[in-house]
Each structure stands twice: as structure tokens, then as C-alpha cells.
Amino acid sequence: MWSDHSPGQSIAVHRHSGARPPFVTGPALSFHWSDYVSMRDLSQDASPSLFDAPPSPSYLYAKDFVRWCCSFGPDFRNSPDVTNLRYWAQKSKVHIEEREVAEVLETARPLFLKRIEQALRKAARPGKTEALN
């Protein structure tokens, strides 16, 4: 090993050890190419395209409606039914066509159940004293 630097510099040149060529140490700004071989190829993951259709208004309404249903604290949940949907729409100043009501409710019910399951799993974790929500 040899060193050719002044005392204030943190440069060290390592002797070639077979697998990797010599390199300069310092802040970890980049890694050797072999470090990237084991990384996951993100190009294979399905990612949204610019040409994918945006979520339907019914889905967006259902998502906001379920958020409202679960916003009253840990001990109370509004059910995702027609009466609560109409009240939420009026309160939120959202106009939902009568033909869309069934679609919003069909979308909201599974979202609501998923939210309840998440709250139950969170409450079942040991050491959690935080309120459900």
C-alpha cells in the first residue's frame, strides 16, 4: 500500500486484491459496479403510464366518503350507506348523480372494510396504545 497525500486529505489507495481494482476512498458517493448486480431491476415493475386512465369520479368520491366515515374518532364509524353518502355529499358540496350512487357505494364498502381491518391489525399489535383511526 502506498500513500501520496498531505495530512489533511482522506485519500487512500488500496492494493489490488483480485476482485476489485484499486479505488479512492472517501465519502460514499458511488459504489463499484458489482454492487449493483444484486439490486432489483425496477424497470420490470408495473408503473403507471401516462396513457393509463385516471381513477373514475365514483372511486374518488368513495375514497373521500370512506375517509369521512372513519374520521369521528376511535370509537365511532359511520356506515357506508345511502343516507350517510347523501349527507356527506351535501356537507362536502359534492354533486353525485342518482345513477352514480350505487357505484359509489359498491366501491366504498370494500374500502371501508379494508380500513376497518387495518385499524384492527393496528390495535392488535403489542405495545400499541394509540387510538384507532
N, C-alpha and C. Protein backbone atom coordinates (compact mmCIF):
# COMPACT_ATOMS: atom_id res chain seq x y z
N MET A 1 0.85 -1.18 0.00
CA MET A 1 0.00 0.00 0.00
C MET A 1 0.89 1.23 0.00
N TRP A 2 0.49 2.23 -0.78
CA TRP A 2 1.27 3.46 -0.79
C TRP A 2 0.32 4.63 -0.61
N SER A 3 0.82 5.71 -0.19
CA SER A 3 0.01 6.88 0.06
C SER A 3 0.74 8.10 -0.46
N ASP A 4 0.05 8.95 -1.15
CA ASP A 4 0.65 10.15 -1.70
C ASP A 4 -0.31 11.31 -1.46
N HIS A 5 -0.42 11.72 -0.21
CA HIS A 5 -1.33 12.81 0.11
C HIS A 5 -0.80 13.60 1.28
N SER A 6 -1.34 14.79 1.42
CA SER A 6 -0.95 15.61 2.56
C SER A 6 -1.78 15.21 3.77
N PRO A 7 -1.35 15.59 4.99
CA PRO A 7 -2.03 15.13 6.21
C PRO A 7 -3.51 15.49 6.28
N GLY A 8 -4.00 16.56 5.64
CA GLY A 8 -5.40 16.96 5.75
C GLY A 8 -6.32 16.22 4.81
N GLN A 9 -5.81 15.44 3.88
CA GLN A 9 -6.64 14.74 2.92
C GLN A 9 -7.00 13.35 3.42
N SER A 10 -8.15 12.84 2.99
CA SER A 10 -8.56 11.50 3.39
C SER A 10 -8.57 10.58 2.18
N ILE A 11 -7.48 10.56 1.44
CA ILE A 11 -7.38 9.72 0.26
C ILE A 11 -6.45 8.56 0.58
N ALA A 12 -6.90 7.36 0.30
CA ALA A 12 -6.07 6.18 0.48
C ALA A 12 -6.22 5.31 -0.76
N VAL A 13 -5.14 4.83 -1.27
CA VAL A 13 -5.18 3.97 -2.43
C VAL A 13 -4.87 2.56 -1.95
N HIS A 14 -5.75 1.61 -2.27
CA HIS A 14 -5.60 0.24 -1.80
C HIS A 14 -4.97 -0.62 -2.88
N ARG A 15 -4.19 -1.56 -2.46
CA ARG A 15 -3.56 -2.51 -3.36
C ARG A 15 -4.62 -3.40 -4.00
N HIS A 16 -4.45 -3.72 -5.22
CA HIS A 16 -5.39 -4.57 -5.96
C HIS A 16 -5.51 -5.93 -5.27
N SER A 17 -6.75 -6.31 -4.89
CA SER A 17 -6.96 -7.56 -4.15
C SER A 17 -7.57 -8.64 -5.01
N GLY A 18 -7.61 -8.49 -6.30
CA GLY A 18 -8.13 -9.54 -7.16
C GLY A 18 -9.52 -9.24 -7.68
N ALA A 19 -10.52 -9.11 -6.80
CA ALA A 19 -11.89 -8.94 -7.24
C ALA A 19 -12.16 -7.52 -7.72
N ARG A 20 -11.61 -6.54 -7.06
CA ARG A 20 -11.89 -5.15 -7.41
C ARG A 20 -10.60 -4.42 -7.72
N PRO A 21 -10.64 -3.55 -8.70
CA PRO A 21 -9.46 -2.74 -9.00
C PRO A 21 -9.26 -1.69 -7.91
N PRO A 22 -8.09 -1.06 -7.85
CA PRO A 22 -7.86 -0.03 -6.84
C PRO A 22 -8.86 1.10 -6.99
N PHE A 23 -9.23 1.71 -5.89
CA PHE A 23 -10.13 2.84 -5.92
C PHE A 23 -9.78 3.80 -4.79
N VAL A 24 -10.30 4.99 -4.85
CA VAL A 24 -10.04 6.01 -3.85
C VAL A 24 -11.19 6.00 -2.85
N THR A 25 -10.86 5.96 -1.56
CA THR A 25 -11.92 6.00 -0.56
C THR A 25 -12.20 7.44 -0.19
N GLY A 26 -13.32 7.66 0.27
CA GLY A 26 -13.78 8.99 0.66
C GLY A 26 -15.25 8.87 0.98
N PRO A 27 -16.00 9.93 0.79
CA PRO A 27 -17.44 9.83 1.05
C PRO A 27 -18.07 8.83 0.08
N ALA A 28 -19.04 8.11 0.56
CA ALA A 28 -19.69 7.07 -0.25
C ALA A 28 -20.61 7.71 -1.27
N LEU A 29 -20.04 8.21 -2.35
CA LEU A 29 -20.84 8.84 -3.39
C LEU A 29 -21.27 7.86 -4.46
N SER A 30 -20.47 6.86 -4.70
CA SER A 30 -20.84 5.85 -5.68
C SER A 30 -20.20 4.53 -5.26
N PHE A 31 -20.73 3.45 -5.80
CA PHE A 31 -20.26 2.13 -5.46
C PHE A 31 -19.64 1.47 -6.68
N HIS A 32 -19.01 0.39 -6.45
CA HIS A 32 -18.44 -0.39 -7.54
C HIS A 32 -19.57 -1.02 -8.33
N TRP A 33 -19.36 -1.24 -9.63
CA TRP A 33 -20.43 -1.79 -10.48
C TRP A 33 -20.96 -3.11 -9.98
N SER A 34 -20.15 -3.92 -9.32
CA SER A 34 -20.63 -5.23 -8.86
C SER A 34 -21.64 -5.10 -7.73
N ASP A 35 -21.67 -3.96 -7.06
CA ASP A 35 -22.66 -3.74 -6.00
C ASP A 35 -24.06 -3.61 -6.58
N TYR A 36 -24.15 -3.23 -7.84
CA TYR A 36 -25.45 -3.05 -8.46
C TYR A 36 -26.04 -4.32 -9.04
N VAL A 37 -25.26 -5.35 -9.18
CA VAL A 37 -25.72 -6.59 -9.80
C VAL A 37 -26.86 -7.21 -9.01
N SER A 38 -26.79 -7.16 -7.69
CA SER A 38 -27.80 -7.81 -6.87
C SER A 38 -29.03 -6.94 -6.64
N MET A 39 -29.02 -5.73 -7.12
CA MET A 39 -30.17 -4.85 -6.92
C MET A 39 -31.33 -5.27 -7.82
N ARG A 40 -32.53 -5.01 -7.38
CA ARG A 40 -33.74 -5.35 -8.12
C ARG A 40 -33.87 -4.46 -9.36
N ASP A 41 -34.31 -5.03 -10.45
CA ASP A 41 -34.49 -4.28 -11.68
C ASP A 41 -35.87 -3.63 -11.64
N LEU A 42 -35.90 -2.32 -11.41
CA LEU A 42 -37.17 -1.61 -11.27
C LEU A 42 -37.89 -1.44 -12.60
N SER A 43 -37.19 -1.62 -13.70
CA SER A 43 -37.85 -1.46 -14.99
C SER A 43 -38.87 -2.57 -15.25
N GLN A 44 -38.79 -3.67 -14.51
CA GLN A 44 -39.73 -4.77 -14.68
C GLN A 44 -41.02 -4.56 -13.90
N ASP A 45 -41.01 -3.64 -12.93
CA ASP A 45 -42.21 -3.38 -12.14
C ASP A 45 -43.24 -2.63 -12.99
N ALA A 46 -44.49 -2.94 -12.75
CA ALA A 46 -45.55 -2.24 -13.47
C ALA A 46 -45.70 -0.85 -12.86
N SER A 47 -45.51 0.15 -13.65
CA SER A 47 -45.65 1.51 -13.16
C SER A 47 -46.74 2.20 -13.98
N PRO A 48 -47.40 3.16 -13.39
CA PRO A 48 -48.46 3.85 -14.12
C PRO A 48 -47.90 4.53 -15.36
N SER A 49 -48.65 4.47 -16.39
CA SER A 49 -48.25 5.07 -17.65
C SER A 49 -48.99 6.40 -17.82
N LEU A 50 -48.46 7.23 -18.66
CA LEU A 50 -49.16 8.47 -18.98
C LEU A 50 -50.46 8.19 -19.71
N PHE A 51 -50.58 6.97 -20.25
CA PHE A 51 -51.75 6.63 -21.03
C PHE A 51 -52.78 5.83 -20.23
N ASP A 52 -52.49 5.56 -18.95
CA ASP A 52 -53.47 4.89 -18.10
C ASP A 52 -54.61 5.84 -17.80
N ALA A 53 -55.79 5.29 -17.73
CA ALA A 53 -56.95 6.11 -17.44
C ALA A 53 -56.91 6.56 -15.98
N PRO A 54 -57.30 7.80 -15.69
CA PRO A 54 -57.35 8.25 -14.30
C PRO A 54 -58.47 7.52 -13.57
N PRO A 55 -58.41 7.48 -12.23
CA PRO A 55 -59.49 6.82 -11.49
C PRO A 55 -60.83 7.51 -11.77
N SER A 56 -61.87 6.71 -11.73
CA SER A 56 -63.20 7.25 -12.01
C SER A 56 -63.63 8.20 -10.89
N PRO A 57 -64.52 9.13 -11.20
CA PRO A 57 -65.03 10.03 -10.15
C PRO A 57 -65.72 9.23 -9.03
N SER A 58 -66.37 8.12 -9.38
CA SER A 58 -67.03 7.30 -8.36
C SER A 58 -66.02 6.76 -7.36
N TYR A 59 -64.86 6.31 -7.84
CA TYR A 59 -63.82 5.81 -6.95
C TYR A 59 -63.29 6.93 -6.05
N LEU A 60 -63.06 8.09 -6.62
CA LEU A 60 -62.56 9.22 -5.82
C LEU A 60 -63.58 9.65 -4.77
N TYR A 61 -64.87 9.68 -5.17
CA TYR A 61 -65.92 10.00 -4.20
C TYR A 61 -65.95 8.96 -3.09
N ALA A 62 -65.87 7.68 -3.47
CA ALA A 62 -65.93 6.60 -2.48
C ALA A 62 -64.76 6.70 -1.50
N LYS A 63 -63.59 7.00 -2.01
CA LYS A 63 -62.40 7.12 -1.16
C LYS A 63 -62.56 8.26 -0.15
N ASP A 64 -63.04 9.42 -0.61
CA ASP A 64 -63.26 10.54 0.30
C ASP A 64 -64.40 10.25 1.28
N PHE A 65 -65.42 9.57 0.80
CA PHE A 65 -66.56 9.22 1.66
C PHE A 65 -66.12 8.29 2.79
N VAL A 66 -65.31 7.29 2.46
CA VAL A 66 -64.83 6.35 3.49
C VAL A 66 -63.92 7.08 4.48
N ARG A 67 -63.10 7.98 3.99
CA ARG A 67 -62.25 8.77 4.90
C ARG A 67 -63.14 9.55 5.89
N TRP A 68 -64.24 10.11 5.39
CA TRP A 68 -65.16 10.84 6.26
C TRP A 68 -65.85 9.88 7.24
N CYS A 69 -66.24 8.69 6.77
CA CYS A 69 -66.90 7.71 7.64
C CYS A 69 -66.01 7.34 8.83
N CYS A 70 -64.72 7.33 8.63
CA CYS A 70 -63.77 6.91 9.67
C CYS A 70 -63.14 8.07 10.41
N SER A 71 -63.65 9.28 10.25
CA SER A 71 -63.00 10.45 10.81
C SER A 71 -63.54 10.90 12.17
N PHE A 72 -64.41 10.13 12.78
CA PHE A 72 -65.05 10.58 14.01
C PHE A 72 -64.41 10.05 15.27
N GLY A 73 -63.23 9.51 15.18
CA GLY A 73 -62.53 9.03 16.36
C GLY A 73 -62.51 7.52 16.42
N PRO A 74 -61.85 6.98 17.45
CA PRO A 74 -61.63 5.53 17.52
C PRO A 74 -62.86 4.72 17.89
N ASP A 75 -63.85 5.34 18.49
CA ASP A 75 -64.99 4.57 18.99
C ASP A 75 -66.24 4.68 18.13
N PHE A 76 -66.17 5.39 17.01
CA PHE A 76 -67.37 5.57 16.21
C PHE A 76 -67.02 5.56 14.73
N ARG A 77 -67.82 4.86 13.96
CA ARG A 77 -67.68 4.81 12.50
C ARG A 77 -69.06 4.99 11.88
N ASN A 78 -69.15 5.85 10.89
CA ASN A 78 -70.37 5.93 10.12
C ASN A 78 -70.35 4.79 9.11
N SER A 79 -71.51 4.19 8.88
CA SER A 79 -71.56 3.11 7.91
C SER A 79 -71.64 3.70 6.50
N PRO A 80 -71.09 3.00 5.52
CA PRO A 80 -71.16 3.50 4.14
C PRO A 80 -72.51 3.14 3.51
N ASP A 81 -73.56 3.85 3.92
CA ASP A 81 -74.89 3.59 3.36
C ASP A 81 -75.39 4.83 2.62
N VAL A 82 -76.56 4.71 2.01
CA VAL A 82 -77.10 5.77 1.16
C VAL A 82 -77.33 7.06 1.94
N THR A 83 -77.88 6.95 3.13
CA THR A 83 -78.18 8.14 3.92
C THR A 83 -76.90 8.91 4.26
N ASN A 84 -75.88 8.19 4.73
CA ASN A 84 -74.62 8.86 5.06
C ASN A 84 -73.93 9.41 3.80
N LEU A 85 -74.05 8.70 2.69
CA LEU A 85 -73.45 9.19 1.44
C LEU A 85 -74.10 10.51 1.03
N ARG A 86 -75.42 10.57 1.09
CA ARG A 86 -76.13 11.81 0.72
C ARG A 86 -75.78 12.95 1.68
N TYR A 87 -75.69 12.65 2.97
CA TYR A 87 -75.32 13.68 3.94
C TYR A 87 -73.90 14.17 3.66
N TRP A 88 -72.96 13.23 3.43
CA TRP A 88 -71.57 13.61 3.15
C TRP A 88 -71.49 14.45 1.88
N ALA A 89 -72.21 14.05 0.84
CA ALA A 89 -72.18 14.79 -0.43
C ALA A 89 -72.70 16.21 -0.25
N GLN A 90 -73.78 16.36 0.52
CA GLN A 90 -74.34 17.68 0.78
C GLN A 90 -73.36 18.53 1.59
N LYS A 91 -72.79 17.92 2.64
CA LYS A 91 -71.86 18.64 3.51
C LYS A 91 -70.58 19.01 2.77
N SER A 92 -70.12 18.13 1.89
CA SER A 92 -68.88 18.37 1.14
C SER A 92 -69.11 19.14 -0.15
N LYS A 93 -70.34 19.46 -0.43
CA LYS A 93 -70.72 20.17 -1.65
C LYS A 93 -70.26 19.42 -2.90
N VAL A 94 -70.53 18.11 -2.87
CA VAL A 94 -70.23 17.23 -4.00
C VAL A 94 -71.55 16.80 -4.62
N HIS A 95 -71.65 16.95 -5.93
CA HIS A 95 -72.87 16.54 -6.61
C HIS A 95 -72.67 15.14 -7.19
N ILE A 96 -73.43 14.20 -6.68
CA ILE A 96 -73.39 12.82 -7.17
C ILE A 96 -74.72 12.53 -7.85
N GLU A 97 -74.65 12.16 -9.11
CA GLU A 97 -75.86 11.81 -9.85
C GLU A 97 -76.51 10.59 -9.22
N GLU A 98 -77.81 10.50 -9.33
CA GLU A 98 -78.55 9.37 -8.75
C GLU A 98 -78.08 8.04 -9.32
N ARG A 99 -77.71 8.02 -10.61
CA ARG A 99 -77.23 6.78 -11.23
C ARG A 99 -75.85 6.40 -10.72
N GLU A 100 -75.08 7.35 -10.14
CA GLU A 100 -73.75 7.07 -9.62
C GLU A 100 -73.75 6.58 -8.18
N VAL A 101 -74.85 6.78 -7.47
CA VAL A 101 -74.91 6.45 -6.05
C VAL A 101 -74.58 4.98 -5.81
N ALA A 102 -75.18 4.08 -6.57
CA ALA A 102 -74.93 2.64 -6.38
C ALA A 102 -73.46 2.31 -6.64
N GLU A 103 -72.87 2.91 -7.66
CA GLU A 103 -71.47 2.64 -7.99
C GLU A 103 -70.53 3.15 -6.88
N VAL A 104 -70.83 4.32 -6.33
CA VAL A 104 -70.02 4.87 -5.24
C VAL A 104 -70.12 3.96 -4.02
N LEU A 105 -71.32 3.51 -3.70
CA LEU A 105 -71.49 2.63 -2.54
C LEU A 105 -70.82 1.28 -2.74
N GLU A 106 -70.91 0.72 -3.95
CA GLU A 106 -70.25 -0.57 -4.23
C GLU A 106 -68.73 -0.45 -4.09
N THR A 107 -68.19 0.70 -4.42
CA THR A 107 -66.76 0.93 -4.29
C THR A 107 -66.39 1.24 -2.85
N ALA A 108 -67.26 1.95 -2.15
CA ALA A 108 -66.96 2.40 -0.78
C ALA A 108 -66.97 1.25 0.23
N ARG A 109 -67.83 0.27 0.06
CA ARG A 109 -67.94 -0.80 1.05
C ARG A 109 -66.65 -1.60 1.20
N PRO A 110 -66.01 -2.07 0.11
CA PRO A 110 -64.73 -2.78 0.30
C PRO A 110 -63.63 -1.87 0.86
N LEU A 111 -63.64 -0.59 0.46
CA LEU A 111 -62.65 0.34 1.02
C LEU A 111 -62.85 0.52 2.52
N PHE A 112 -64.12 0.57 2.92
CA PHE A 112 -64.45 0.72 4.34
C PHE A 112 -64.00 -0.51 5.13
N LEU A 113 -64.27 -1.71 4.59
CA LEU A 113 -63.86 -2.94 5.28
C LEU A 113 -62.33 -3.03 5.38
N LYS A 114 -61.65 -2.62 4.34
CA LYS A 114 -60.19 -2.62 4.37
C LYS A 114 -59.68 -1.67 5.45
N ARG A 115 -60.30 -0.53 5.57
CA ARG A 115 -59.91 0.45 6.59
C ARG A 115 -60.15 -0.10 7.99
N ILE A 116 -61.25 -0.79 8.20
CA ILE A 116 -61.56 -1.39 9.50
C ILE A 116 -60.55 -2.49 9.81
N GLU A 117 -60.24 -3.34 8.83
CA GLU A 117 -59.25 -4.40 9.05
C GLU A 117 -57.89 -3.83 9.41
N GLN A 118 -57.49 -2.75 8.75
CA GLN A 118 -56.22 -2.11 9.08
C GLN A 118 -56.22 -1.58 10.51
N ALA A 119 -57.33 -1.01 10.92
CA ALA A 119 -57.44 -0.48 12.29
C ALA A 119 -57.37 -1.61 13.31
N LEU A 120 -58.01 -2.74 13.00
CA LEU A 120 -57.97 -3.88 13.92
C LEU A 120 -56.58 -4.47 14.02
N ARG A 121 -55.88 -4.59 12.89
CA ARG A 121 -54.50 -5.10 12.92
C ARG A 121 -53.60 -4.16 13.71
N LYS A 122 -53.80 -2.86 13.52
CA LYS A 122 -53.00 -1.88 14.25
C LYS A 122 -53.25 -1.98 15.75
N ALA A 123 -54.50 -2.21 16.14
CA ALA A 123 -54.84 -2.32 17.55
C ALA A 123 -54.33 -3.62 18.14
N ALA A 124 -54.20 -4.66 17.32
CA ALA A 124 -53.75 -5.97 17.82
C ALA A 124 -52.25 -6.04 18.02
N ARG A 125 -51.51 -5.08 17.46
CA ARG A 125 -50.04 -5.08 17.65
C ARG A 125 -49.71 -4.84 19.11
N PRO A 126 -48.79 -5.64 19.65
CA PRO A 126 -48.42 -5.43 21.05
C PRO A 126 -47.70 -4.09 21.23
N GLY A 127 -47.99 -3.45 22.33
CA GLY A 127 -47.32 -2.20 22.64
C GLY A 127 -47.97 -0.98 22.05
N LYS A 128 -49.07 -1.17 21.33
CA LYS A 128 -49.75 -0.03 20.74
C LYS A 128 -50.90 0.39 21.65
N THR A 129 -50.84 1.60 22.16
CA THR A 129 -51.93 2.13 22.96
C THR A 129 -52.61 3.29 22.23
N GLU A 130 -52.17 3.52 21.00
CA GLU A 130 -52.71 4.61 20.21
C GLU A 130 -54.15 4.29 19.80
N ALA A 131 -54.95 5.32 19.65
CA ALA A 131 -56.36 5.14 19.28
C ALA A 131 -56.47 4.68 17.84
N LEU A 132 -57.53 3.94 17.55
CA LEU A 132 -57.81 3.51 16.18
C LEU A 132 -58.24 4.69 15.35
N ASN A 133 -57.74 4.76 14.11
CA ASN A 133 -58.22 5.75 13.13
C ASN A 133 -57.46 5.68 11.90
